[in-house]
């Protein structure tokens, strides 16, 4: 995995761990200021997933395309989180694809719960594509995706479907996987 010169890769990992452990408890229904906390935290997770991922065909200097579908608040929070940032010499470019056919051009694709239900067929076409799919939809990692954000014990957590990850040809840092609930196609996220 490429590393930023002069930076300690453990700092980014520490941010993921701190977010997972110290996250503000979530209300059962996210409204108002709590919704703002939710999206900021999810945006931080998304950025850190990109930091600890490797794409098989990412060319030197090519921007890492992070696509956000179906969640305007998440897009705004991610834009603030990643504004002006780069990962291993790659600019981070946030995109909001309108058509599902553009999803294959994404390196990271966050798709909101409501969009997952409407886009099952399109997501299945990405099963072997080098796209890190992420969602907060219940059952996403068990179904059509790689990373699922979920709340457990009032804290934001994430599950990684290792089978889906292998099919995609992507690699995630073993340190990041050490923080995840690692599941397989046959497992369930509770």
Foldseek 3Di string as FASTA:
>chain_A
DFADPPDDLVVLLVQLVCQQPVQAFADPDQDDPSVLSVLLSVLSVQVSQVQFKDFPDQDQQEAQEEEEEDDPSNLVNNCVVQPPHAHNNHRHHYDHDPDLVCQLVHQEYEYEQVVCVVCVVSLQVQQQANYQYEYCHACCQLGRHAKHWYDDPRGIAIEGAVQSCVSNVMDGDVSNVVRHNYHHNVDHDD
